[in-house]
């Protein structure tokens, strides 16, 4: 019995295996500027609040890839946009509608509102997972 308690305690102390998330971004319509990939773990901050991790890649019409490594297993959501003018912010028109191409994990695209975390949520476990995010205006 005592050995079983020791084994269980030892296993509980072992951290869960880290995972990687590869985001393949398609629909980049010009090589101008950068593509920003934001990985969110906090539903309250999604999609435009502070991200757990952010990466910037030079825009390319063939698309770009962002790779988030060493992630704790759990639920995440990804927001991506093509920052064609290089100011590192999602520009909007007077009505607050994005003026630059954008996309979310699960390619969620609700009408007349921003996507919420539950719609864009994906689970990351041990190992690597690849998703595609299509950018659209």
C-alpha atoms as a PDB file:
ATOM      1  CA  UNK A   1       0.000   0.000   0.000  1.00  0.00           C
ATOM      2  CA  UNK A   2       2.785   2.376   0.945  1.00  0.00           C
ATOM      3  CA  UNK A   3       4.541   1.699  -2.388  1.00  0.00           C
ATOM      4  CA  UNK A   4       1.329   2.524  -4.268  1.00  0.00           C
ATOM      5  CA  UNK A   5       1.079   5.885  -2.489  1.00  0.00           C
ATOM      6  CA  UNK A   6       4.697   6.686  -3.368  1.00  0.00           C
ATOM      7  CA  UNK A   7       4.169   5.741  -7.043  1.00  0.00           C
ATOM      8  CA  UNK A   8       0.995   7.840  -7.302  1.00  0.00           C
ATOM      9  CA  UNK A   9       2.712  10.821  -5.670  1.00  0.00           C
ATOM     10  CA  UNK A  10       5.665  10.490  -8.042  1.00  0.00           C
ATOM     11  CA  UNK A  11       3.401  10.346 -11.089  1.00  0.00           C
ATOM     12  CA  UNK A  12       1.442  13.395  -9.946  1.00  0.00           C
ATOM     13  CA  UNK A  13       4.685  15.381  -9.759  1.00  0.00           C
ATOM     14  CA  UNK A  14       5.559  14.636 -13.400  1.00  0.00           C
ATOM     15  CA  UNK A  15       4.470  17.573 -15.592  1.00  0.00           C
ATOM     16  CA  UNK A  16       2.204  16.871 -18.554  1.00  0.00           C
ATOM     17  CA  UNK A  17       4.017  16.570 -21.861  1.00  0.00           C
ATOM     18  CA  UNK A  18       4.268  19.826 -23.778  1.00  0.00           C
ATOM     19  CA  UNK A  19       2.709  20.229 -27.187  1.00  0.00           C
ATOM     20  CA  UNK A  20       3.320  22.299 -30.275  1.00  0.00           C
ATOM     21  CA  UNK A  21       0.772  24.149 -32.392  1.00  0.00           C
ATOM     22  CA  UNK A  22       1.586  24.968 -36.013  1.00  0.00           C
ATOM     23  CA  UNK A  23      -0.672  27.584 -37.606  1.00  0.00           C
ATOM     24  CA  UNK A  24      -0.653  27.555 -41.414  1.00  0.00           C
ATOM     25  CA  UNK A  25      -2.012  30.897 -42.616  1.00  0.00           C
ATOM     26  CA  UNK A  26      -3.530  31.050 -46.112  1.00  0.00           C
ATOM     27  CA  UNK A  27      -5.256  33.850 -47.987  1.00  0.00           C
ATOM     28  CA  UNK A  28      -2.415  36.368 -47.654  1.00  0.00           C
ATOM     29  CA  UNK A  29      -3.198  38.612 -50.627  1.00  0.00           C
ATOM     30  CA  UNK A  30       0.102  40.514 -50.921  1.00  0.00           C
ATOM     31  CA  UNK A  31       3.712  40.342 -49.732  1.00  0.00           C
ATOM     32  CA  UNK A  32       3.416  43.763 -48.077  1.00  0.00           C
ATOM     33  CA  UNK A  33       3.787  44.041 -44.300  1.00  0.00           C
ATOM     34  CA  UNK A  34       3.581  41.223 -41.772  1.00  0.00           C
ATOM     35  CA  UNK A  35       1.207  38.533 -40.572  1.00  0.00           C
ATOM     36  CA  UNK A  36       0.589  38.463 -36.826  1.00  0.00           C
ATOM     37  CA  UNK A  37      -0.417  35.234 -35.066  1.00  0.00           C
ATOM     38  CA  UNK A  38      -1.746  35.519 -31.511  1.00  0.00           C
ATOM     39  CA  UNK A  39      -2.270  32.510 -29.253  1.00  0.00           C
ATOM     40  CA  UNK A  40      -4.891  33.070 -26.567  1.00  0.00           C
ATOM     41  CA  UNK A  41      -5.541  31.007 -23.473  1.00  0.00           C
ATOM     42  CA  UNK A  42      -7.739  33.522 -21.641  1.00  0.00           C
ATOM     43  CA  UNK A  43     -11.303  33.655 -22.973  1.00  0.00           C
ATOM     44  CA  UNK A  44     -11.811  37.174 -21.594  1.00  0.00           C
ATOM     45  CA  UNK A  45      -8.882  38.520 -23.660  1.00  0.00           C
ATOM     46  CA  UNK A  46      -9.922  36.904 -26.952  1.00  0.00           C
ATOM     47  CA  UNK A  47      -9.693  37.972 -29.738  1.00  0.00           C
ATOM     48  CA  UNK A  48      -8.027  41.394 -29.408  1.00  0.00           C
ATOM     49  CA  UNK A  49      -6.781  41.498 -25.829  1.00  0.00           C
ATOM     50  CA  UNK A  50      -3.358  40.440 -24.593  1.00  0.00           C
ATOM     51  CA  UNK A  51      -2.280  37.087 -25.992  1.00  0.00           C
ATOM     52  CA  UNK A  52      -0.333  34.376 -24.185  1.00  0.00           C
ATOM     53  CA  UNK A  53       2.092  34.373 -27.128  1.00  0.00           C
ATOM     54  CA  UNK A  54       2.447  36.386 -30.328  1.00  0.00           C
ATOM     55  CA  UNK A  55       4.527  35.855 -33.458  1.00  0.00           C
ATOM     56  CA  UNK A  56       5.115  38.053 -36.508  1.00  0.00           C
ATOM     57  CA  UNK A  57       6.086  36.717 -39.928  1.00  0.00           C
ATOM     58  CA  UNK A  58       6.958  38.527 -43.159  1.00  0.00           C
ATOM     59  CA  UNK A  59       3.878  38.400 -45.385  1.00  0.00           C
ATOM     60  CA  UNK A  60       4.058  36.057 -48.378  1.00  0.00           C
ATOM     61  CA  UNK A  61       1.331  35.294 -50.903  1.00  0.00           C
ATOM     62  CA  UNK A  62       2.073  31.591 -50.603  1.00  0.00           C
ATOM     63  CA  UNK A  63       1.100  31.896 -46.926  1.00  0.00           C
ATOM     64  CA  UNK A  64       3.047  31.795 -43.691  1.00  0.00           C
ATOM     65  CA  UNK A  65       3.476  29.490 -40.704  1.00  0.00           C
ATOM     66  CA  UNK A  66       3.588  30.322 -37.029  1.00  0.00           C
ATOM     67  CA  UNK A  67       4.783  27.628 -34.619  1.00  0.00           C
ATOM     68  CA  UNK A  68       4.033  27.825 -30.910  1.00  0.00           C
ATOM     69  CA  UNK A  69       6.235  25.359 -29.040  1.00  0.00           C
ATOM     70  CA  UNK A  70       6.239  23.929 -25.535  1.00  0.00           C
ATOM     71  CA  UNK A  71       2.545  24.536 -24.827  1.00  0.00           C
ATOM     72  CA  UNK A  72       0.921  23.161 -21.712  1.00  0.00           C
ATOM     73  CA  UNK A  73      -1.930  20.814 -22.653  1.00  0.00           C
ATOM     74  CA  UNK A  74      -5.194  22.751 -22.652  1.00  0.00           C
ATOM     75  CA  UNK A  75      -7.609  24.891 -24.633  1.00  0.00           C
ATOM     76  CA  UNK A  76      -6.409  27.743 -26.820  1.00  0.00           C
ATOM     77  CA  UNK A  77      -7.721  30.016 -29.584  1.00  0.00           C
ATOM     78  CA  UNK A  78      -5.754  31.687 -32.358  1.00  0.00           C
ATOM     79  CA  UNK A  79      -6.333  35.067 -34.014  1.00  0.00           C
ATOM     80  CA  UNK A  80      -4.404  36.105 -37.123  1.00  0.00           C
ATOM     81  CA  UNK A  81      -4.317  39.198 -39.303  1.00  0.00           C
ATOM     82  CA  UNK A  82      -2.353  40.577 -42.246  1.00  0.00           C
ATOM     83  CA  UNK A  83      -0.853  43.879 -41.157  1.00  0.00           C
ATOM     84  CA  UNK A  84      -0.236  45.242 -44.637  1.00  0.00           C
ATOM     85  CA  UNK A  85       0.773  48.732 -43.459  1.00  0.00           C
ATOM     86  CA  UNK A  86       3.185  47.511 -40.774  1.00  0.00           C
ATOM     87  CA  UNK A  87       1.706  49.276 -37.738  1.00  0.00           C
ATOM     88  CA  UNK A  88       1.179  45.978 -35.864  1.00  0.00           C
ATOM     89  CA  UNK A  89      -2.472  46.653 -35.124  1.00  0.00           C
ATOM     90  CA  UNK A  90      -5.691  45.533 -36.786  1.00  0.00           C
ATOM     91  CA  UNK A  91      -6.941  48.635 -38.566  1.00  0.00           C
ATOM     92  CA  UNK A  92     -10.702  49.170 -38.668  1.00  0.00           C
ATOM     93  CA  UNK A  93     -13.088  51.514 -40.449  1.00  0.00           C
ATOM     94  CA  UNK A  94     -15.324  54.065 -38.709  1.00  0.00           C
ATOM     95  CA  UNK A  95     -17.806  51.321 -37.792  1.00  0.00           C
ATOM     96  CA  UNK A  96     -15.114  49.174 -36.179  1.00  0.00           C
ATOM     97  CA  UNK A  97     -15.118  46.637 -39.004  1.00  0.00           C
ATOM     98  CA  UNK A  98     -11.619  45.305 -39.787  1.00  0.00           C
ATOM     99  CA  UNK A  99     -10.018  46.963 -42.809  1.00  0.00           C
ATOM    100  CA  UNK A 100      -7.287  44.293 -42.994  1.00  0.00           C
ATOM    101  CA  UNK A 101      -7.641  40.576 -43.705  1.00  0.00           C
ATOM    102  CA  UNK A 102      -8.140  38.471 -40.559  1.00  0.00           C
ATOM    103  CA  UNK A 103      -8.955  34.930 -39.452  1.00  0.00           C
ATOM    104  CA  UNK A 104      -9.454  32.761 -36.363  1.00  0.00           C
ATOM    105  CA  UNK A 105      -8.898  29.159 -35.393  1.00  0.00           C
ATOM    106  CA  UNK A 106     -11.714  26.900 -36.617  1.00  0.00           C
ATOM    107  CA  UNK A 107     -12.108  29.561 -39.346  1.00  0.00           C
ATOM    108  CA  UNK A 108     -14.949  31.072 -37.327  1.00  0.00           C
ATOM    109  CA  UNK A 109     -16.554  34.060 -39.050  1.00  0.00           C
ATOM    110  CA  UNK A 110     -19.742  35.247 -37.314  1.00  0.00           C
ATOM    111  CA  UNK A 111     -21.729  38.046 -38.906  1.00  0.00           C
ATOM    112  CA  UNK A 112     -21.723  41.500 -37.272  1.00  0.00           C
ATOM    113  CA  UNK A 113     -19.645  40.590 -34.211  1.00  0.00           C
ATOM    114  CA  UNK A 114     -16.254  39.320 -33.170  1.00  0.00           C
ATOM    115  CA  UNK A 115     -15.883  35.565 -32.639  1.00  0.00           C
ATOM    116  CA  UNK A 116     -15.858  34.354 -29.059  1.00  0.00           C
ATOM    117  CA  UNK A 117     -13.356  32.006 -27.453  1.00  0.00           C
ATOM    118  CA  UNK A 118     -15.737  29.025 -27.351  1.00  0.00           C
ATOM    119  CA  UNK A 119     -16.225  29.194 -31.136  1.00  0.00           C
ATOM    120  CA  UNK A 120     -12.503  29.364 -31.910  1.00  0.00           C
ATOM    121  CA  UNK A 121     -11.327  27.022 -29.137  1.00  0.00           C
ATOM    122  CA  UNK A 122      -9.032  24.120 -29.937  1.00  0.00           C
ATOM    123  CA  UNK A 123      -7.359  21.621 -27.678  1.00  0.00           C
ATOM    124  CA  UNK A 124      -3.619  21.080 -27.626  1.00  0.00           C
ATOM    125  CA  UNK A 125      -2.132  17.972 -26.062  1.00  0.00           C
ATOM    126  CA  UNK A 126       1.262  16.321 -26.183  1.00  0.00           C
ATOM    127  CA  UNK A 127       2.901  16.237 -29.596  1.00  0.00           C
ATOM    128  CA  UNK A 128       2.283  18.505 -32.552  1.00  0.00           C
ATOM    129  CA  UNK A 129      -0.992  19.763 -33.972  1.00  0.00           C
ATOM    130  CA  UNK A 130      -1.381  21.707 -37.220  1.00  0.00           C
ATOM    131  CA  UNK A 131      -4.312  23.947 -38.090  1.00  0.00           C
ATOM    132  CA  UNK A 132      -5.106  26.183 -41.059  1.00  0.00           C
ATOM    133  CA  UNK A 133      -6.418  29.719 -40.665  1.00  0.00           C
ATOM    134  CA  UNK A 134      -7.810  31.370 -43.808  1.00  0.00           C
ATOM    135  CA  UNK A 135      -7.546  35.143 -43.952  1.00  0.00           C
ATOM    136  CA  UNK A 136     -10.447  37.122 -45.424  1.00  0.00           C
ATOM    137  CA  UNK A 137     -11.605  40.720 -45.395  1.00  0.00           C
END
